[in-house]
Amino acid sequence: MRVRLHSLAAGPDGVLQPGEHDLAEAFARALVAGGYAVPIDADATPESAETDPGPEPETTEAPRPATPKRKGK
């Protein structure tokens, strides 16, 4: 199965750089299910393809400032 990796994949069988790769069916489906890759085959169904949710919406509240941890008593 041909997939496009979003990030580096490393394991006992080797290292795969981001980009397009032709992988074993089971391994490719596991990467797609985990959100690490998207299928690029012509027979890929839309329900198996992950969609990009886009950027998070901005909130009107300012983020809370970080408070330093106190040492001692």
PDB file of N, CA and C in Angstrom:
ATOM      1  N   MET A   1       0.855  -1.169   0.000  1.00  0.00           N
ATOM      2  CA  MET A   1       0.000   0.000   0.000  1.00  0.00           C
ATOM      3  C   MET A   1       0.899   1.229   0.000  1.00  0.00           C
ATOM      4  N   ARG A   2       0.559   2.196  -0.797  1.00  0.00           N
ATOM      5  CA  ARG A   2       1.351   3.418  -0.896  1.00  0.00           C
ATOM      6  C   ARG A   2       0.761   4.464   0.057  1.00  0.00           C
ATOM      7  N   VAL A   3       1.614   5.052   0.907  1.00  0.00           N
ATOM      8  CA  VAL A   3       1.179   6.057   1.879  1.00  0.00           C
ATOM      9  C   VAL A   3       2.138   7.238   1.876  1.00  0.00           C
ATOM     10  N   ARG A   4       1.661   8.348   2.398  1.00  0.00           N
ATOM     11  CA  ARG A   4       2.498   9.534   2.595  1.00  0.00           C
ATOM     12  C   ARG A   4       2.641   9.739   4.100  1.00  0.00           C
ATOM     13  N   LEU A   5       3.877   9.586   4.601  1.00  0.00           N
ATOM     14  CA  LEU A   5       4.159   9.755   6.028  1.00  0.00           C
ATOM     15  C   LEU A   5       4.235  11.238   6.376  1.00  0.00           C
ATOM     16  N   HIS A   6       3.655  11.585   7.525  1.00  0.00           N
ATOM     17  CA  HIS A   6       3.720  12.960   8.021  1.00  0.00           C
ATOM     18  C   HIS A   6       4.980  13.201   8.837  1.00  0.00           C
ATOM     19  N   SER A   7       5.493  12.139   9.462  1.00  0.00           N
ATOM     20  CA  SER A   7       6.653  12.284  10.338  1.00  0.00           C
ATOM     21  C   SER A   7       7.555  11.063  10.210  1.00  0.00           C
ATOM     22  N   LEU A   8       8.673  11.118  10.858  1.00  0.00           N
ATOM     23  CA  LEU A   8       9.651  10.035  10.859  1.00  0.00           C
ATOM     24  C   LEU A   8       9.063   8.801  11.535  1.00  0.00           C
ATOM     25  N   ALA A   9       9.300   7.633  10.963  1.00  0.00           N
ATOM     26  CA  ALA A   9       8.879   6.371  11.571  1.00  0.00           C
ATOM     27  C   ALA A   9      10.125   5.511  11.754  1.00  0.00           C
ATOM     28  N   ALA A  10      10.373   5.072  12.975  1.00  0.00           N
ATOM     29  CA  ALA A  10      11.562   4.263  13.252  1.00  0.00           C
ATOM     30  C   ALA A  10      11.165   3.042  14.060  1.00  0.00           C
ATOM     31  N   GLY A  11      11.811   1.928  13.767  1.00  0.00           N
ATOM     32  CA  GLY A  11      11.526   0.690  14.479  1.00  0.00           C
ATOM     33  C   GLY A  11      12.612  -0.323  14.206  1.00  0.00           C
ATOM     34  N   PRO A  12      12.410  -1.562  14.643  1.00  0.00           N
ATOM     35  CA  PRO A  12      13.432  -2.589  14.457  1.00  0.00           C
ATOM     36  C   PRO A  12      13.689  -2.931  12.989  1.00  0.00           C
ATOM     37  N   ASP A  13      12.731  -2.634  12.112  1.00  0.00           N
ATOM     38  CA  ASP A  13      12.896  -2.929  10.686  1.00  0.00           C
ATOM     39  C   ASP A  13      13.553  -1.796   9.915  1.00  0.00           C
ATOM     40  N   GLY A  14      13.796  -0.664  10.564  1.00  0.00           N
ATOM     41  CA  GLY A  14      14.460   0.441   9.887  1.00  0.00           C
ATOM     42  C   GLY A  14      13.804   1.780  10.170  1.00  0.00           C
ATOM     43  N   VAL A  15      14.231   2.785   9.416  1.00  0.00           N
ATOM     44  CA  VAL A  15      13.754   4.155   9.579  1.00  0.00           C
ATOM     45  C   VAL A  15      13.134   4.611   8.267  1.00  0.00           C
ATOM     46  N   LEU A  16      11.961   5.253   8.350  1.00  0.00           N
ATOM     47  CA  LEU A  16      11.291   5.805   7.175  1.00  0.00           C
ATOM     48  C   LEU A  16      11.185   7.312   7.341  1.00  0.00           C
ATOM     49  N   GLN A  17      11.694   8.044   6.392  1.00  0.00           N
ATOM     50  CA  GLN A  17      11.632   9.502   6.408  1.00  0.00           C
ATOM     51  C   GLN A  17      10.236   9.959   5.974  1.00  0.00           C
ATOM     52  N   PRO A  18       9.808  11.173   6.340  1.00  0.00           N
ATOM     53  CA  PRO A  18       8.533  11.687   5.851  1.00  0.00           C
ATOM     54  C   PRO A  18       8.518  11.713   4.322  1.00  0.00           C
ATOM     55  N   GLY A  19       7.367  11.429   3.752  1.00  0.00           N
ATOM     56  CA  GLY A  19       7.218  11.402   2.303  1.00  0.00           C
ATOM     57  C   GLY A  19       6.457  10.162   1.874  1.00  0.00           C
ATOM     58  N   GLU A  20       6.521   9.837   0.579  1.00  0.00           N
ATOM     59  CA  GLU A  20       5.778   8.715   0.021  1.00  0.00           C
ATOM     60  C   GLU A  20       6.577   7.418   0.107  1.00  0.00           C
ATOM     61  N   HIS A  21       5.885   6.334   0.541  1.00  0.00           N
ATOM     62  CA  HIS A  21       6.518   5.026   0.686  1.00  0.00           C
ATOM     63  C   HIS A  21       5.536   3.939   0.282  1.00  0.00           C
ATOM     64  N   ASP A  22       6.055   2.846  -0.268  1.00  0.00           N
ATOM     65  CA  ASP A  22       5.269   1.663  -0.579  1.00  0.00           C
ATOM     66  C   ASP A  22       5.532   0.652   0.535  1.00  0.00           C
ATOM     67  N   LEU A  23       4.508   0.395   1.380  1.00  0.00           N
ATOM     68  CA  LEU A  23       4.677  -0.429   2.575  1.00  0.00           C
ATOM     69  C   LEU A  23       3.756  -1.639   2.548  1.00  0.00           C
ATOM     70  N   ALA A  24       4.018  -2.592   3.434  1.00  0.00           N
ATOM     71  CA  ALA A  24       3.139  -3.748   3.604  1.00  0.00           C
ATOM     72  C   ALA A  24       1.763  -3.257   4.056  1.00  0.00           C
ATOM     73  N   GLU A  25       0.727  -3.955   3.615  1.00  0.00           N
ATOM     74  CA  GLU A  25      -0.657  -3.543   3.870  1.00  0.00           C
ATOM     75  C   GLU A  25      -0.945  -3.334   5.361  1.00  0.00           C
ATOM     76  N   ALA A  26      -0.582  -4.293   6.207  1.00  0.00           N
ATOM     77  CA  ALA A  26      -0.877  -4.204   7.640  1.00  0.00           C
ATOM     78  C   ALA A  26      -0.145  -3.034   8.290  1.00  0.00           C
ATOM     79  N   PHE A  27       1.130  -2.854   7.958  1.00  0.00           N
ATOM     80  CA  PHE A  27       1.917  -1.763   8.537  1.00  0.00           C
ATOM     81  C   PHE A  27       1.379  -0.409   8.074  1.00  0.00           C
ATOM     82  N   ALA A  28       1.037  -0.310   6.791  1.00  0.00           N
ATOM     83  CA  ALA A  28       0.512   0.944   6.255  1.00  0.00           C
ATOM     84  C   ALA A  28      -0.823   1.300   6.901  1.00  0.00           C
ATOM     85  N   ARG A  29      -1.695   0.315   7.065  1.00  0.00           N
ATOM     86  CA  ARG A  29      -3.001   0.582   7.696  1.00  0.00           C
ATOM     87  C   ARG A  29      -2.833   1.006   9.161  1.00  0.00           C
ATOM     88  N   ALA A  30      -1.849   0.441   9.851  1.00  0.00           N
ATOM     89  CA  ALA A  30      -1.593   0.833  11.239  1.00  0.00           C
ATOM     90  C   ALA A  30      -1.126   2.287  11.310  1.00  0.00           C
ATOM     91  N   LEU A  31      -0.266   2.697  10.380  1.00  0.00           N
ATOM     92  CA  LEU A  31       0.194   4.088  10.354  1.00  0.00           C
ATOM     93  C   LEU A  31      -0.953   5.041  10.037  1.00  0.00           C
ATOM     94  N   VAL A  32      -1.826   4.650   9.100  1.00  0.00           N
ATOM     95  CA  VAL A  32      -2.976   5.487   8.745  1.00  0.00           C
ATOM     96  C   VAL A  32      -3.938   5.578   9.921  1.00  0.00           C
ATOM     97  N   ALA A  33      -4.212   4.451  10.585  1.00  0.00           N
ATOM     98  CA  ALA A  33      -5.123   4.443  11.733  1.00  0.00           C
ATOM     99  C   ALA A  33      -4.586   5.300  12.873  1.00  0.00           C
ATOM    100  N   GLY A  34      -3.267   5.350  13.039  1.00  0.00           N
ATOM    101  CA  GLY A  34      -2.659   6.161  14.091  1.00  0.00           C
ATOM    102  C   GLY A  34      -2.525   7.629  13.738  1.00  0.00           C
ATOM    103  N   GLY A  35      -2.825   7.987  12.487  1.00  0.00           N
ATOM    104  CA  GLY A  35      -2.735   9.386  12.079  1.00  0.00           C
ATOM    105  C   GLY A  35      -1.339   9.811  11.657  1.00  0.00           C
ATOM    106  N   TYR A  36      -0.434   8.845  11.469  1.00  0.00           N
ATOM    107  CA  TYR A  36       0.939   9.164  11.084  1.00  0.00           C
ATOM    108  C   TYR A  36       1.122   9.226   9.578  1.00  0.00           C
ATOM    109  N   ALA A  37       0.139   8.742   8.825  1.00  0.00           N
ATOM    110  CA  ALA A  37       0.245   8.702   7.369  1.00  0.00           C
ATOM    111  C   ALA A  37      -1.145   8.793   6.758  1.00  0.00           C
ATOM    112  N   VAL A  38      -1.185   9.112   5.466  1.00  0.00           N
ATOM    113  CA  VAL A  38      -2.434   9.094   4.706  1.00  0.00           C
ATOM    114  C   VAL A  38      -2.222   8.213   3.485  1.00  0.00           C
ATOM    115  N   PRO A  39      -3.244   7.445   3.100  1.00  0.00           N
ATOM    116  CA  PRO A  39      -3.096   6.596   1.917  1.00  0.00           C
ATOM    117  C   PRO A  39      -3.099   7.443   0.654  1.00  0.00           C
ATOM    118  N   ILE A  40      -2.305   7.057  -0.332  1.00  0.00           N
ATOM    119  CA  ILE A  40      -2.303   7.780  -1.604  1.00  0.00           C
ATOM    120  C   ILE A  40      -2.621   6.848  -2.762  1.00  0.00           C
ATOM    121  N   ASP A  41      -3.128   5.633  -2.460  1.00  0.00           N
ATOM    122  CA  ASP A  41      -3.547   4.701  -3.498  1.00  0.00           C
ATOM    123  C   ASP A  41      -4.820   5.205  -4.167  1.00  0.00           C
ATOM    124  N   ALA A  42      -5.054   4.783  -5.389  1.00  0.00           N
ATOM    125  CA  ALA A  42      -6.275   5.139  -6.101  1.00  0.00           C
ATOM    126  C   ALA A  42      -7.484   4.458  -5.472  1.00  0.00           C
ATOM    127  N   ASP A  43      -7.286   3.296  -4.828  1.00  0.00           N
ATOM    128  CA  ASP A  43      -8.403   2.566  -4.231  1.00  0.00           C
ATOM    129  C   ASP A  43      -8.644   2.927  -2.765  1.00  0.00           C
ATOM    130  N   ALA A  44      -8.005   3.966  -2.261  1.00  0.00           N
ATOM    131  CA  ALA A  44      -8.198   4.379  -0.868  1.00  0.00           C
ATOM    132  C   ALA A  44      -9.593   4.967  -0.706  1.00  0.00           C
ATOM    133  N   THR A  45     -10.286   4.517   0.309  1.00  0.00           N
ATOM    134  CA  THR A  45     -11.639   5.000   0.540  1.00  0.00           C
ATOM    135  C   THR A  45     -11.599   6.253   1.401  1.00  0.00           C
ATOM    136  N   PRO A  46     -12.567   7.158   1.238  1.00  0.00           N
ATOM    137  CA  PRO A  46     -12.558   8.399   2.019  1.00  0.00           C
ATOM    138  C   PRO A  46     -12.642   8.168   3.522  1.00  0.00           C
ATOM    139  N   GLU A  47     -13.351   7.115   3.975  1.00  0.00           N
ATOM    140  CA  GLU A  47     -13.461   6.903   5.415  1.00  0.00           C
ATOM    141  C   GLU A  47     -12.146   6.450   6.039  1.00  0.00           C
ATOM    142  N   SER A  48     -11.241   5.878   5.237  1.00  0.00           N
ATOM    143  CA  SER A  48      -9.954   5.468   5.789  1.00  0.00           C
ATOM    144  C   SER A  48      -8.933   6.598   5.755  1.00  0.00           C
ATOM    145  N   ALA A  49      -9.207   7.640   4.985  1.00  0.00           N
ATOM    146  CA  ALA A  49      -8.279   8.765   4.884  1.00  0.00           C
ATOM    147  C   ALA A  49      -8.544   9.745   6.022  1.00  0.00           C
ATOM    148  N   GLU A  50      -7.494  10.162   6.674  1.00  0.00           N
ATOM    149  CA  GLU A  50      -7.609  11.139   7.745  1.00  0.00           C
ATOM    150  C   GLU A  50      -7.708  12.538   7.142  1.00  0.00           C
ATOM    151  N   THR A  51      -8.501  13.407   7.769  1.00  0.00           N
ATOM    152  CA  THR A  51      -8.595  14.783   7.315  1.00  0.00           C
ATOM    153  C   THR A  51      -7.853  15.674   8.284  1.00  0.00           C
ATOM    154  N   ASP A  52      -7.288  16.741   7.770  1.00  0.00           N
ATOM    155  CA  ASP A  52      -6.549  17.682   8.597  1.00  0.00           C
ATOM    156  C   ASP A  52      -7.550  18.572   9.323  1.00  0.00           C
ATOM    157  N   PRO A  53      -7.555  18.571  10.662  1.00  0.00           N
ATOM    158  CA  PRO A  53      -8.521  19.382  11.385  1.00  0.00           C
ATOM    159  C   PRO A  53      -8.242  20.880  11.290  1.00  0.00           C
ATOM    160  N   GLY A  54      -7.058  21.261  10.854  1.00  0.00           N
ATOM    161  CA  GLY A  54      -6.715  22.672  10.725  1.00  0.00           C
ATOM    162  C   GLY A  54      -6.216  23.235  12.041  1.00  0.00           C
ATOM    163  N   PRO A  55      -5.924  24.534  12.051  1.00  0.00           N
ATOM    164  CA  PRO A  55      -5.412  25.146  13.282  1.00  0.00           C
ATOM    165  C   PRO A  55      -6.504  25.256  14.340  1.00  0.00           C
ATOM    166  N   GLU A  56      -6.081  25.299  15.590  1.00  0.00           N
ATOM    167  CA  GLU A  56      -7.039  25.452  16.680  1.00  0.00           C
ATOM    168  C   GLU A  56      -7.600  26.871  16.662  1.00  0.00           C
ATOM    169  N   PRO A  57      -8.878  27.031  16.955  1.00  0.00           N
ATOM    170  CA  PRO A  57      -9.444  28.378  16.980  1.00  0.00           C
ATOM    171  C   PRO A  57      -8.876  29.178  18.151  1.00  0.00           C
ATOM    172  N   GLU A  58      -8.741  30.465  17.940  1.00  0.00           N
ATOM    173  CA  GLU A  58      -8.223  31.322  19.000  1.00  0.00           C
ATOM    174  C   GLU A  58      -9.310  31.575  20.037  1.00  0.00           C
ATOM    175  N   THR A  59      -8.891  31.754  21.289  1.00  0.00           N
ATOM    176  CA  THR A  59      -9.837  32.051  22.351  1.00  0.00           C
ATOM    177  C   THR A  59      -9.707  33.513  22.738  1.00  0.00           C
ATOM    178  N   THR A  60     -10.729  34.032  23.394  1.00  0.00           N
ATOM    179  CA  THR A  60     -10.695  35.429  23.809  1.00  0.00           C
ATOM    180  C   THR A  60      -9.936  35.614  25.111  1.00  0.00           C
ATOM    181  N   GLU A  61      -9.699  34.520  25.832  1.00  0.00           N
ATOM    182  CA  GLU A  61      -8.978  34.607  27.096  1.00  0.00           C
ATOM    183  C   GLU A  61      -7.475  34.540  26.859  1.00  0.00           C
ATOM    184  N   ALA A  62      -6.746  35.334  27.635  1.00  0.00           N
ATOM    185  CA  ALA A  62      -5.287  35.294  27.560  1.00  0.00           C
ATOM    186  C   ALA A  62      -4.799  34.058  28.302  1.00  0.00           C
ATOM    187  N   PRO A  63      -3.718  33.449  27.857  1.00  0.00           N
ATOM    188  CA  PRO A  63      -3.197  32.287  28.579  1.00  0.00           C
ATOM    189  C   PRO A  63      -2.712  32.684  29.962  1.00  0.00           C
ATOM    190  N   ARG A  64      -2.840  31.763  30.916  1.00  0.00           N
ATOM    191  CA  ARG A  64      -2.406  32.039  32.281  1.00  0.00           C
ATOM    192  C   ARG A  64      -0.891  32.080  32.325  1.00  0.00           C
ATOM    193  N   PRO A  65      -0.322  33.047  33.042  1.00  0.00           N
ATOM    194  CA  PRO A  65       1.141  33.106  33.139  1.00  0.00           C
ATOM    195  C   PRO A  65       1.662  31.936  33.973  1.00  0.00           C
ATOM    196  N   ALA A  66       2.828  31.474  33.620  1.00  0.00           N
ATOM    197  CA  ALA A  66       3.450  30.375  34.360  1.00  0.00           C
ATOM    198  C   ALA A  66       3.904  30.884  35.719  1.00  0.00           C
ATOM    199  N   THR A  67       3.597  30.129  36.756  1.00  0.00           N
ATOM    200  CA  THR A  67       4.031  30.524  38.099  1.00  0.00           C
ATOM    201  C   THR A  67       5.239  29.679  38.471  1.00  0.00           C
ATOM    202  N   PRO A  68       6.297  30.330  38.934  1.00  0.00           N
ATOM    203  CA  PRO A  68       7.490  29.565  39.310  1.00  0.00           C
ATOM    204  C   PRO A  68       7.205  28.719  40.549  1.00  0.00           C
ATOM    205  N   LYS A  69       7.819  27.551  40.628  1.00  0.00           N
ATOM    206  CA  LYS A  69       7.654  26.684  41.789  1.00  0.00           C
ATOM    207  C   LYS A  69       8.489  27.230  42.933  1.00  0.00           C
ATOM    208  N   ARG A  70       7.914  27.161  44.122  1.00  0.00           N
ATOM    209  CA  ARG A  70       8.613  27.658  45.299  1.00  0.00           C
ATOM    210  C   ARG A  70       9.541  26.598  45.851  1.00  0.00           C
ATOM    211  N   LYS A  71      10.678  27.054  46.294  1.00  0.00           N
ATOM    212  CA  LYS A  71      11.649  26.153  46.898  1.00  0.00           C
ATOM    213  C   LYS A  71      11.662  26.397  48.401  1.00  0.00           C
ATOM    214  N   GLY A  72      11.817  25.350  49.136  1.00  0.00           N
ATOM    215  CA  GLY A  72      11.889  25.488  50.591  1.00  0.00           C
ATOM    216  C   GLY A  72      10.515  25.574  51.215  1.00  0.00           C
ATOM    217  N   LYS A  73      10.431  26.314  52.328  1.00  0.00           N
ATOM    218  CA  LYS A  73       9.174  26.423  53.063  1.00  0.00           C
ATOM    219  C   LYS A  73       8.303  27.489  52.536  1.00  0.00           C
TER     220      LYS A  73
END
